[in-house]
Amino acid sequence: MPTTPPGRRPRRATLHTLSLTAACLLLTNPATAATTGTPDGHCAGRTHLRVPGAARQQADCLDELTTAGTVASGHTDPADYAGLTPKDLPTPSGVPGIQIDGYFPDTSTTNTEHGRHHDAQFVIRLPDHWNGGLVVAGTPGNREQYANDRAIADWVLARGYAYAATDKGNTGTAFYRDGLRPGDAIAEWNDRLTQLTRAARTVVAQRYHRPPARTIATGLSNGGYLVRWQLEHHPELYDGGVDWEGTLWRTAGPNPLTFLPAALRDYPTYAGGGTAAAETRAALHRAGFPAGSEFLWPYHYQVYWDLTQRIYREELDPGYDGATEAGTPFCRPGTPACDADYDYAARPAAVHRAVDRIALTGRIGKPLITLQGTLDVLLPISEDSDVYARMVHAAGRGALLRYYRIQGGTHTDSLVDAFPDRLRPMVPCHRSAFEALERWIAGTGLPPADHTVPRPAAATPATLLTSCPLD
């Protein structure tokens, strides 16, 4: 085990140090234990379902698997998906079936869902009326397993898909404490989605007596990164994926540690006005933050830029600030070990090796649709998906990619409520991309060529919330 810098808490063991042959503790809900049906009936076979490798599971028969019912029944957590979707996003309903909650063996305890204080938690939902497919997802940010419930799960469940999601093995803003080496916590995310995909495919076969005809990976932000990584490393598990503003980790850059310090360094001067404002505004544009996105900068400085830089830098380069954990919030340039002064290119080779452990290559092995908003100012499009698309083509895999730049889209759809005249929601674009992927993998139609999807000039907030044609 590497030595721990003085004053720093030791990193906990990750999936790589655990035995996945731990005995399963299989629990059922006494209130629903008698609810079993015919092989084709409501919640059929619930008591016989077993999640391979799970240390704990609980299978419940629900009249409603979408958030139209799971909020009231306690089978989701609205706090987990807060801030990710527009407030007026419709919620489908009428999806009865089985929900399995549980966790895989793990030693970290950041996830407190259901009072379990145990990471590697998952949710699997099995609708009574199944369309033959499975959708799997990792969560955005450092959220827990229900984070996609409004943005993704409700819609795919209403279309008849089985659905599975993982908390990625560690959660919260101190996720970097998990693992033994720099990069371990993020590397575990990839392992956990692979693990859940394999387990969910088995559970689907148990419930419906045949394996899924198609398995689709999808996700937002860090969840989009996982889609890219899975299609690069485990294409055998999937038929395709939809990457919604996935994070780009690239050893040589760009990556978040190459552009976020510029935002921390230059934004306060820009916001202060005066003679230097124009110069620092231009510097932010050069760093990748798009012209026309200035109205989003104050929110992102306060909420995203500073925190994101500090906690991901701590995960990959804990030595930068010595014994201090995750730096000094909102420090000014010149402050010792300030993240505003962070220079990724100048950091030791060990830091670049840590990033290399989680880096993407572009070598996807199954069809992928990537979409990103042109006004994303957490992961600027010129530093993220534009680059990843070039990587895929450079790797000779361009025929497997479709890339759509969504004019007026930003990283967090809830901001559309604050700026309805300047932003457009990404969630309907994700749904259009998902449908295009369905046709692609079914062989019934190729998606349109890569292009920028314009924001219709006469569109209303209501029409933008329900429509996003990609052609």
Protein backbone atom coordinates (compact mmCIF):
# COMPACT_ATOMS: atom_id res chain seq x y z
CA MET A 1 0.00 0.00 0.00
CA PRO A 2 1.39 3.43 -0.86
CA THR A 3 2.26 5.62 2.06
CA THR A 4 -0.34 8.20 3.06
CA PRO A 5 0.73 11.86 3.25
CA PRO A 6 0.86 13.17 6.83
CA GLY A 7 -2.57 14.18 8.05
CA ARG A 8 -4.42 12.51 5.19
CA ARG A 9 -6.98 9.84 5.85
CA PRO A 10 -6.05 6.44 4.35
CA ARG A 11 -8.02 5.51 1.26
CA ARG A 12 -10.41 2.63 1.68
CA ALA A 13 -10.27 -0.59 -0.29
CA THR A 14 -12.22 -0.73 -3.54
CA LEU A 15 -13.80 -3.47 -5.58
CA HIS A 16 -10.39 -4.75 -6.67
CA THR A 17 -9.53 -5.80 -3.11
CA LEU A 18 -12.85 -7.46 -2.37
CA SER A 19 -14.01 -11.00 -2.88
CA LEU A 20 -17.19 -11.04 -4.92
CA THR A 21 -17.91 -14.57 -3.73
CA ALA A 22 -19.28 -13.29 -0.44
CA ALA A 23 -22.36 -15.15 0.67
CA CYS A 24 -25.62 -13.50 -0.38
CA LEU A 25 -27.99 -12.28 2.30
CA LEU A 26 -31.29 -12.33 0.44
CA LEU A 27 -34.13 -10.40 2.03
CA THR A 28 -37.75 -10.04 1.05
CA ASN A 29 -40.37 -7.62 2.28
CA PRO A 30 -42.79 -9.48 4.59
CA ALA A 31 -45.58 -7.15 3.50
CA THR A 32 -45.31 -8.38 -0.08
CA ALA A 33 -43.86 -11.86 0.43
CA ALA A 34 -47.07 -13.56 -0.63
CA THR A 35 -47.37 -11.58 -3.85
CA THR A 36 -46.37 -13.97 -6.60
CA GLY A 37 -48.12 -14.59 -9.87
CA THR A 38 -48.07 -16.73 -12.95
CA PRO A 39 -44.96 -16.57 -15.19
CA ASP A 40 -46.66 -13.82 -17.19
CA GLY A 41 -48.55 -12.17 -14.34
CA HIS A 42 -48.04 -9.17 -12.09
CA CYS A 43 -44.69 -9.47 -10.31
CA ALA A 44 -44.34 -13.08 -11.42
CA GLY A 45 -41.48 -14.99 -9.83
CA ARG A 46 -40.44 -12.14 -7.54
CA THR A 47 -39.38 -14.38 -4.66
CA HIS A 48 -37.13 -16.46 -6.91
CA LEU A 49 -35.07 -13.62 -8.33
CA ARG A 50 -31.41 -13.57 -7.31
CA VAL A 51 -28.94 -10.82 -8.17
CA PRO A 52 -25.59 -12.52 -8.81
CA GLY A 53 -22.88 -11.30 -6.44
CA ALA A 54 -25.19 -9.17 -4.30
CA ALA A 55 -24.50 -9.07 -0.58
CA ARG A 56 -28.06 -7.89 0.06
CA GLN A 57 -31.22 -7.52 -1.98
CA GLN A 58 -34.89 -6.76 -1.40
CA ALA A 59 -37.48 -7.40 -4.09
CA ASP A 60 -40.81 -5.58 -3.84
CA CYS A 61 -43.95 -5.84 -5.94
CA LEU A 62 -45.06 -2.33 -6.93
CA ASP A 63 -48.14 -1.02 -8.67
CA GLU A 64 -46.00 1.79 -10.10
CA LEU A 65 -42.28 1.71 -10.98
CA THR A 66 -42.04 5.32 -12.16
CA THR A 67 -41.71 8.32 -9.87
CA ALA A 68 -45.49 8.75 -10.19
CA GLY A 69 -45.62 6.00 -7.56
CA THR A 70 -42.14 5.41 -6.17
CA VAL A 71 -41.94 8.78 -4.42
CA ALA A 72 -44.95 7.92 -2.27
CA SER A 73 -43.94 4.29 -1.76
CA GLY A 74 -40.38 5.19 -0.73
CA HIS A 75 -38.76 3.39 -3.66
CA THR A 76 -36.90 6.46 -4.88
CA ASP A 77 -35.38 9.56 -3.32
CA PRO A 78 -36.38 12.90 -4.90
CA ALA A 79 -33.34 14.57 -3.35
CA ASP A 80 -31.18 12.29 -5.45
CA TYR A 81 -32.46 13.68 -8.75
CA ALA A 82 -33.16 17.24 -7.64
CA GLY A 83 -31.88 19.91 -10.03
CA LEU A 84 -31.39 17.65 -13.04
CA THR A 85 -34.63 18.16 -14.98
CA PRO A 86 -37.01 21.01 -15.80
CA LYS A 87 -39.77 21.44 -13.25
CA ASP A 88 -42.53 20.84 -15.82
CA LEU A 89 -41.12 17.59 -17.21
CA PRO A 90 -44.11 15.21 -17.47
CA THR A 91 -44.01 12.01 -15.43
CA PRO A 92 -45.37 8.90 -17.17
CA SER A 93 -47.28 6.33 -15.15
CA GLY A 94 -48.95 2.96 -15.46
CA VAL A 95 -45.86 0.74 -15.10
CA PRO A 96 -46.41 -2.05 -12.54
CA GLY A 97 -43.64 -4.50 -11.77
CA ILE A 98 -40.80 -5.55 -9.49
CA GLN A 99 -38.16 -3.33 -7.95
CA ILE A 100 -35.01 -4.85 -6.48
CA ASP A 101 -32.86 -2.70 -4.20
CA GLY A 102 -29.58 -3.94 -2.82
CA TYR A 103 -25.82 -3.68 -2.78
CA PHE A 104 -22.71 -5.54 -3.78
CA PRO A 105 -19.85 -6.21 -1.34
CA ASP A 106 -17.90 -3.00 -0.63
CA THR A 107 -16.01 -1.43 2.26
CA SER A 108 -16.98 2.22 1.80
CA THR A 109 -20.07 3.68 3.45
CA THR A 110 -20.91 7.02 1.84
CA ASN A 111 -24.35 5.98 0.53
CA THR A 112 -26.95 6.21 3.29
CA GLU A 113 -30.02 5.27 1.21
CA HIS A 114 -32.44 3.08 3.20
CA GLY A 115 -30.26 3.63 6.27
CA ARG A 116 -27.76 1.11 4.98
CA HIS A 117 -24.52 3.17 5.08
CA HIS A 118 -23.12 0.96 2.36
CA ASP A 119 -21.79 1.75 -1.11
CA ALA A 120 -22.19 -0.20 -4.36
CA GLN A 121 -25.97 0.11 -3.99
CA PHE A 122 -28.12 -0.61 -7.03
CA VAL A 123 -31.72 -0.57 -8.18
CA ILE A 124 -33.21 -2.95 -10.76
CA ARG A 125 -36.75 -2.43 -12.08
CA LEU A 126 -38.60 -5.13 -14.00
CA PRO A 127 -41.91 -4.02 -15.59
CA ASP A 128 -44.71 -6.53 -15.97
CA HIS A 129 -45.06 -5.57 -19.63
CA TRP A 130 -41.55 -5.99 -21.01
CA ASN A 131 -40.38 -4.94 -24.47
CA GLY A 132 -37.37 -7.29 -24.47
CA GLY A 133 -34.73 -4.66 -23.66
CA LEU A 134 -32.56 -3.57 -20.75
CA VAL A 135 -31.25 -0.08 -20.01
CA VAL A 136 -28.34 0.33 -17.58
CA ALA A 137 -26.96 3.56 -16.19
CA GLY A 138 -24.46 5.07 -13.84
CA THR A 139 -25.30 8.28 -12.06
CA PRO A 140 -24.27 11.88 -12.81
CA GLY A 141 -22.00 13.74 -10.45
CA ASN A 142 -21.50 11.87 -7.19
CA ARG A 143 -25.16 11.05 -6.68
CA GLU A 144 -26.83 7.84 -5.59
CA GLN A 145 -28.65 5.17 -7.57
CA TYR A 146 -31.95 7.04 -8.03
CA ALA A 147 -30.40 10.12 -9.67
CA ASN A 148 -31.59 9.15 -13.17
CA ASP A 149 -35.16 8.35 -12.16
CA ARG A 150 -36.77 11.50 -13.61
CA ALA A 151 -34.42 12.13 -16.51
CA ILE A 152 -34.09 8.57 -17.83
CA ALA A 153 -35.76 5.77 -15.84
CA ASP A 154 -39.37 7.00 -15.96
CA TRP A 155 -39.31 7.28 -19.74
CA VAL A 156 -37.58 3.99 -20.56
CA LEU A 157 -39.75 2.08 -18.09
CA ALA A 158 -42.86 3.53 -19.74
CA ARG A 159 -41.50 2.19 -23.05
CA GLY A 160 -41.28 -1.31 -21.55
CA TYR A 161 -37.57 -1.56 -20.78
CA ALA A 162 -36.12 -3.20 -17.71
CA TYR A 163 -33.86 -0.69 -15.98
CA ALA A 164 -30.84 -0.91 -13.68
CA ALA A 165 -28.68 1.78 -12.08
CA THR A 166 -25.70 1.88 -9.75
CA ASP A 167 -24.34 4.46 -7.32
CA LYS A 168 -20.93 3.73 -8.91
CA GLY A 169 -19.41 2.46 -5.65
CA ASN A 170 -18.89 5.79 -3.87
CA THR A 171 -20.97 8.92 -3.45
CA GLY A 172 -20.88 12.48 -2.14
CA THR A 173 -18.38 15.30 -2.41
CA ALA A 174 -15.76 13.37 -0.43
CA PHE A 175 -15.86 10.40 -2.82
CA TYR A 176 -12.09 10.75 -3.24
CA ARG A 177 -11.56 9.12 0.18
CA ASP A 178 -12.46 5.77 -1.33
CA GLY A 179 -9.66 3.59 -2.65
CA LEU A 180 -5.98 3.04 -2.02
CA ARG A 181 -4.41 4.97 -4.90
CA PRO A 182 -5.19 8.18 -6.76
CA GLY A 183 -7.83 7.38 -9.36
CA ASP A 184 -9.22 4.33 -7.54
CA ALA A 185 -12.59 5.90 -6.77
CA ILE A 186 -13.28 6.80 -10.40
CA ALA A 187 -11.89 3.49 -11.66
CA GLU A 188 -14.39 1.75 -9.40
CA TRP A 189 -17.24 3.52 -11.21
CA ASN A 190 -16.37 1.63 -14.37
CA ASP A 191 -16.11 -1.70 -12.57
CA ARG A 192 -19.45 -1.20 -10.83
CA LEU A 193 -21.36 -0.53 -14.03
CA THR A 194 -19.80 -3.60 -15.65
CA GLN A 195 -20.74 -5.64 -12.58
CA LEU A 196 -24.32 -4.38 -12.55
CA THR A 197 -24.80 -4.92 -16.28
CA ARG A 198 -23.80 -8.56 -15.99
CA ALA A 199 -25.99 -9.07 -12.93
CA ALA A 200 -28.99 -7.27 -14.41
CA ARG A 201 -28.83 -9.31 -17.62
CA THR A 202 -29.03 -12.46 -15.48
CA VAL A 203 -31.95 -11.14 -13.43
CA VAL A 204 -33.82 -10.18 -16.60
CA ALA A 205 -33.41 -13.74 -17.87
CA GLN A 206 -34.69 -15.08 -14.54
CA ARG A 207 -37.78 -12.89 -14.62
CA TYR A 208 -38.74 -13.19 -18.29
CA HIS A 209 -37.23 -16.61 -19.07
CA ARG A 210 -35.00 -15.24 -21.82
CA PRO A 211 -32.05 -12.83 -21.95
CA PRO A 212 -32.54 -9.26 -23.10
CA ALA A 213 -32.70 -8.86 -26.86
CA ARG A 214 -30.84 -5.55 -26.54
CA THR A 215 -28.89 -3.89 -23.76
CA ILE A 216 -28.37 -0.13 -23.93
CA ALA A 217 -26.08 1.93 -21.72
CA THR A 218 -26.91 5.57 -21.17
CA GLY A 219 -26.13 8.34 -18.72
CA LEU A 220 -25.57 12.02 -18.07
CA SER A 221 -22.27 13.74 -17.21
CA ASN A 222 -20.23 11.18 -15.26
CA GLY A 223 -22.85 8.67 -16.37
CA GLY A 224 -22.08 9.62 -19.98
CA TYR A 225 -18.37 9.03 -19.31
CA LEU A 226 -19.29 5.53 -18.14
CA VAL A 227 -21.14 4.86 -21.40
CA ARG A 228 -18.05 5.81 -23.40
CA TRP A 229 -15.78 3.69 -21.20
CA GLN A 230 -18.06 0.64 -21.31
CA LEU A 231 -18.33 0.70 -25.11
CA GLU A 232 -14.55 0.98 -25.31
CA HIS A 233 -13.78 -1.82 -22.83
CA HIS A 234 -16.83 -4.12 -22.72
CA PRO A 235 -18.69 -3.83 -26.03
CA GLU A 236 -19.68 -7.48 -25.70
CA LEU A 237 -22.17 -6.51 -22.97
CA TYR A 238 -24.05 -3.87 -24.94
CA ASP A 239 -25.80 -3.26 -28.22
CA GLY A 240 -25.15 0.48 -28.08
CA GLY A 241 -25.18 3.56 -25.91
CA VAL A 242 -26.34 7.16 -25.59
CA ASP A 243 -23.80 9.51 -24.03
CA TRP A 244 -25.41 12.67 -22.63
CA GLU A 245 -22.69 15.27 -22.01
CA GLY A 246 -20.18 12.70 -20.80
CA THR A 247 -17.05 13.82 -18.97
CA LEU A 248 -13.85 13.53 -21.02
CA TRP A 249 -10.83 12.19 -19.17
CA ARG A 250 -7.81 12.31 -21.46
CA THR A 251 -4.27 11.88 -20.19
CA ALA A 252 -2.74 14.57 -22.38
CA GLY A 253 -5.75 16.82 -21.89
CA PRO A 254 -8.15 18.34 -22.24
CA ASN A 255 -9.86 17.16 -19.08
CA PRO A 256 -11.57 19.04 -16.24
CA LEU A 257 -8.23 19.70 -14.53
CA THR A 258 -6.99 21.62 -17.57
CA PHE A 259 -9.84 24.12 -17.98
CA LEU A 260 -11.47 24.55 -14.56
CA PRO A 261 -8.43 26.31 -13.01
CA ALA A 262 -8.72 28.99 -15.69
CA ALA A 263 -12.32 29.61 -14.65
CA LEU A 264 -11.32 29.93 -10.99
CA ARG A 265 -8.42 32.22 -11.83
CA ASP A 266 -10.10 34.58 -14.29
CA TYR A 267 -13.78 34.71 -13.40
CA PRO A 268 -13.49 36.83 -10.22
CA THR A 269 -11.61 39.52 -12.16
CA TYR A 270 -14.15 39.41 -14.97
CA ALA A 271 -17.03 39.65 -12.49
CA GLY A 272 -15.39 42.60 -10.76
CA GLY A 273 -15.57 44.69 -13.92
CA GLY A 274 -13.05 47.42 -14.55
CA THR A 275 -10.28 47.59 -17.07
CA ALA A 276 -9.30 43.91 -16.78
CA ALA A 277 -12.82 42.54 -17.35
CA ALA A 278 -12.56 42.38 -21.14
CA GLU A 279 -9.16 40.70 -20.99
CA THR A 280 -10.28 38.01 -18.55
CA ARG A 281 -13.49 37.43 -20.49
CA ALA A 282 -11.37 36.71 -23.57
CA ALA A 283 -9.17 34.41 -21.47
CA LEU A 284 -12.23 32.43 -20.38
CA HIS A 285 -13.30 32.10 -24.01
CA ARG A 286 -9.84 30.80 -24.91
CA ALA A 287 -10.08 28.28 -22.08
CA GLY A 288 -13.19 26.85 -23.77
CA PHE A 289 -16.10 28.62 -22.07
CA PRO A 290 -18.22 29.65 -25.05
CA ALA A 291 -19.03 33.18 -26.03
CA GLY A 292 -22.65 33.86 -25.21
CA SER A 293 -22.57 31.72 -22.07
CA GLU A 294 -21.58 34.57 -19.76
CA PHE A 295 -25.02 34.66 -18.13
CA LEU A 296 -24.32 31.16 -16.77
CA TRP A 297 -20.91 31.93 -15.30
CA PRO A 298 -21.97 33.34 -11.89
CA TYR A 299 -24.00 30.25 -11.03
CA HIS A 300 -21.30 27.86 -12.17
CA TYR A 301 -18.59 29.69 -10.25
CA GLN A 302 -20.61 29.52 -7.03
CA VAL A 303 -21.97 25.99 -7.43
CA TYR A 304 -19.84 23.91 -9.80
CA TRP A 305 -16.43 25.17 -10.90
CA ASP A 306 -14.71 25.52 -7.54
CA LEU A 307 -16.08 22.36 -5.94
CA THR A 308 -15.58 20.21 -9.03
CA GLN A 309 -11.96 21.27 -9.49
CA ARG A 310 -11.05 20.70 -5.86
CA ILE A 311 -12.62 17.27 -5.34
CA TYR A 312 -11.51 15.77 -8.66
CA ARG A 313 -8.04 17.19 -8.26
CA GLU A 314 -7.96 15.61 -4.79
CA GLU A 315 -8.95 12.26 -6.30
CA LEU A 316 -6.23 12.33 -8.94
CA ASP A 317 -3.55 14.58 -7.42
CA PRO A 318 -3.86 14.53 -3.60
CA GLY A 319 -0.24 15.62 -3.20
CA TYR A 320 -0.88 19.06 -4.67
CA ASP A 321 -2.13 20.48 -1.36
CA GLY A 322 -0.21 18.21 1.00
CA ALA A 323 -2.14 17.29 4.13
CA THR A 324 -5.02 19.60 3.24
CA GLU A 325 -8.05 17.73 1.96
CA ALA A 326 -9.55 19.07 -1.29
CA GLY A 327 -7.93 22.46 -1.16
CA THR A 328 -9.19 25.83 -0.02
CA PRO A 329 -12.62 26.88 -1.31
CA PHE A 330 -12.66 30.01 -3.49
CA CYS A 331 -9.01 30.82 -2.82
CA ARG A 332 -7.42 33.66 -4.77
CA PRO A 333 -4.45 33.09 -7.08
CA GLY A 334 -1.20 33.22 -5.15
CA THR A 335 -2.64 31.50 -2.09
CA PRO A 336 -0.44 28.48 -1.28
CA ALA A 337 -1.69 25.30 -3.02
CA CYS A 338 -4.64 27.20 -4.50
CA ASP A 339 -6.56 25.32 -7.18
CA ALA A 340 -6.88 28.53 -9.18
CA ASP A 341 -3.13 28.17 -9.84
CA TYR A 342 -3.28 24.47 -10.66
CA ASP A 343 -1.23 23.55 -13.74
CA TYR A 344 -2.02 19.99 -14.81
CA ALA A 345 0.65 19.92 -17.53
CA ALA A 346 3.36 20.73 -15.00
CA ARG A 347 2.34 18.15 -12.42
CA PRO A 348 4.47 15.01 -11.83
CA ALA A 349 4.21 11.99 -14.09
CA ALA A 350 2.40 10.09 -11.32
CA VAL A 351 -0.56 12.45 -11.67
CA HIS A 352 -0.76 11.80 -15.40
CA ARG A 353 -0.55 8.06 -14.74
CA ALA A 354 -3.52 8.36 -12.37
CA VAL A 355 -5.55 10.05 -15.10
CA ASP A 356 -4.37 7.45 -17.60
CA ARG A 357 -6.00 4.74 -15.48
CA ILE A 358 -9.43 6.24 -16.17
CA ALA A 359 -8.74 7.86 -19.55
CA LEU A 360 -10.81 7.34 -22.66
CA THR A 361 -9.35 6.26 -26.00
CA GLY A 362 -12.16 6.61 -28.53
CA ARG A 363 -11.94 2.90 -29.42
CA ILE A 364 -15.65 2.16 -29.07
CA GLY A 365 -16.90 -1.24 -30.15
CA LYS A 366 -20.66 -0.66 -30.48
CA PRO A 367 -22.84 2.17 -31.83
CA LEU A 368 -22.72 5.33 -29.75
CA ILE A 369 -24.74 8.52 -29.95
CA THR A 370 -23.16 11.48 -28.16
CA LEU A 371 -24.99 14.72 -27.53
CA GLN A 372 -23.85 17.85 -25.74
CA GLY A 373 -25.21 21.36 -25.34
CA THR A 374 -23.31 24.22 -26.94
CA LEU A 375 -23.78 26.28 -23.74
CA ASP A 376 -22.42 23.64 -21.37
CA VAL A 377 -20.12 25.64 -19.09
CA LEU A 378 -19.27 22.88 -16.64
CA LEU A 379 -17.78 20.72 -19.40
CA PRO A 380 -17.28 23.14 -22.30
CA ILE A 381 -18.15 21.44 -25.57
CA SER A 382 -14.91 22.44 -27.33
CA GLU A 383 -12.93 20.76 -24.52
CA ASP A 384 -15.13 17.69 -24.26
CA SER A 385 -17.41 16.10 -26.86
CA ASP A 386 -15.81 17.90 -29.81
CA VAL A 387 -12.53 16.33 -28.75
CA TYR A 388 -14.01 12.90 -28.03
CA ALA A 389 -15.64 12.78 -31.47
CA ARG A 390 -12.23 13.44 -33.03
CA MET A 391 -10.73 10.70 -30.85
CA VAL A 392 -13.30 8.18 -32.08
CA HIS A 393 -12.59 9.04 -35.70
CA ALA A 394 -8.82 8.96 -35.12
CA ALA A 395 -9.23 5.47 -33.65
CA GLY A 396 -10.92 4.31 -36.85
CA ARG A 397 -14.32 3.90 -35.18
CA GLY A 398 -16.13 6.84 -36.77
CA ALA A 399 -18.74 4.60 -38.40
CA LEU A 400 -19.95 3.67 -34.91
CA LEU A 401 -20.50 7.27 -33.77
CA ARG A 402 -23.14 9.92 -34.28
CA TYR A 403 -22.49 13.25 -32.58
CA TYR A 404 -25.06 16.01 -32.13
CA ARG A 405 -24.27 19.46 -30.76
CA ILE A 406 -27.49 20.82 -29.24
CA GLN A 407 -27.71 24.59 -29.71
CA GLY A 408 -28.70 26.28 -26.47
CA GLY A 409 -28.33 23.19 -24.30
CA THR A 410 -26.44 23.36 -21.02
CA HIS A 411 -25.18 20.84 -18.50
CA THR A 412 -28.05 21.00 -16.01
CA ASP A 413 -31.59 21.06 -17.36
CA SER A 414 -33.06 22.74 -14.29
CA LEU A 415 -31.36 25.97 -15.41
CA VAL A 416 -33.82 26.09 -18.32
CA ASP A 417 -36.45 27.17 -15.80
CA ALA A 418 -34.35 30.22 -14.93
CA PHE A 419 -33.44 31.11 -18.54
CA PRO A 420 -36.26 29.78 -20.77
CA ASP A 421 -35.56 32.34 -23.50
CA ARG A 422 -31.87 31.41 -23.81
CA LEU A 423 -31.62 27.70 -23.01
CA ARG A 424 -33.31 24.56 -24.23
CA PRO A 425 -33.78 21.33 -22.23
CA MET A 426 -31.57 18.42 -23.18
CA VAL A 427 -33.91 15.67 -21.94
CA PRO A 428 -36.08 15.56 -25.12
CA CYS A 429 -32.90 15.49 -27.21
CA HIS A 430 -31.72 12.51 -25.19
CA ARG A 431 -35.02 10.78 -25.92
CA SER A 432 -34.73 11.48 -29.64
CA ALA A 433 -31.16 10.14 -29.59
CA PHE A 434 -32.31 7.03 -27.74
CA GLU A 435 -34.99 6.36 -30.35
CA ALA A 436 -32.46 6.90 -33.12
CA LEU A 437 -30.16 4.36 -31.45
CA GLU A 438 -33.02 1.86 -31.24
CA ARG A 439 -33.52 2.09 -35.00
CA TRP A 440 -29.78 1.93 -35.62
CA ILE A 441 -29.17 -1.26 -33.66
CA ALA A 442 -32.37 -2.84 -35.03
CA GLY A 443 -31.16 -2.18 -38.57
CA THR A 444 -34.24 -0.13 -39.46
CA GLY A 445 -32.56 3.19 -40.10
CA LEU A 446 -29.27 5.04 -39.72
CA PRO A 447 -29.26 8.18 -37.57
CA PRO A 448 -28.61 11.52 -39.29
CA ALA A 449 -24.99 12.53 -39.88
CA ASP A 450 -23.18 14.55 -37.23
CA HIS A 451 -24.39 18.14 -37.03
CA THR A 452 -25.51 20.96 -34.76
CA VAL A 453 -29.20 20.73 -33.90
CA PRO A 454 -30.56 24.30 -34.04
CA ARG A 455 -32.74 25.87 -31.38
CA PRO A 456 -35.96 26.69 -33.25
CA ALA A 457 -36.41 30.45 -33.31
CA ALA A 458 -40.16 30.36 -32.69
CA ALA A 459 -40.16 27.51 -30.17
CA THR A 460 -41.96 27.91 -26.88
CA PRO A 461 -40.78 26.38 -23.58
CA ALA A 462 -43.60 23.84 -23.88
CA THR A 463 -42.61 22.68 -27.37
CA LEU A 464 -38.93 22.55 -26.47
CA LEU A 465 -39.78 20.31 -23.52
CA THR A 466 -41.50 17.73 -25.72
CA SER A 467 -39.62 17.86 -29.03
CA CYS A 468 -36.05 17.73 -30.26
CA PRO A 469 -35.86 16.38 -33.81
CA LEU A 470 -32.31 15.42 -34.68
CA ASP A 471 -32.69 15.62 -38.47
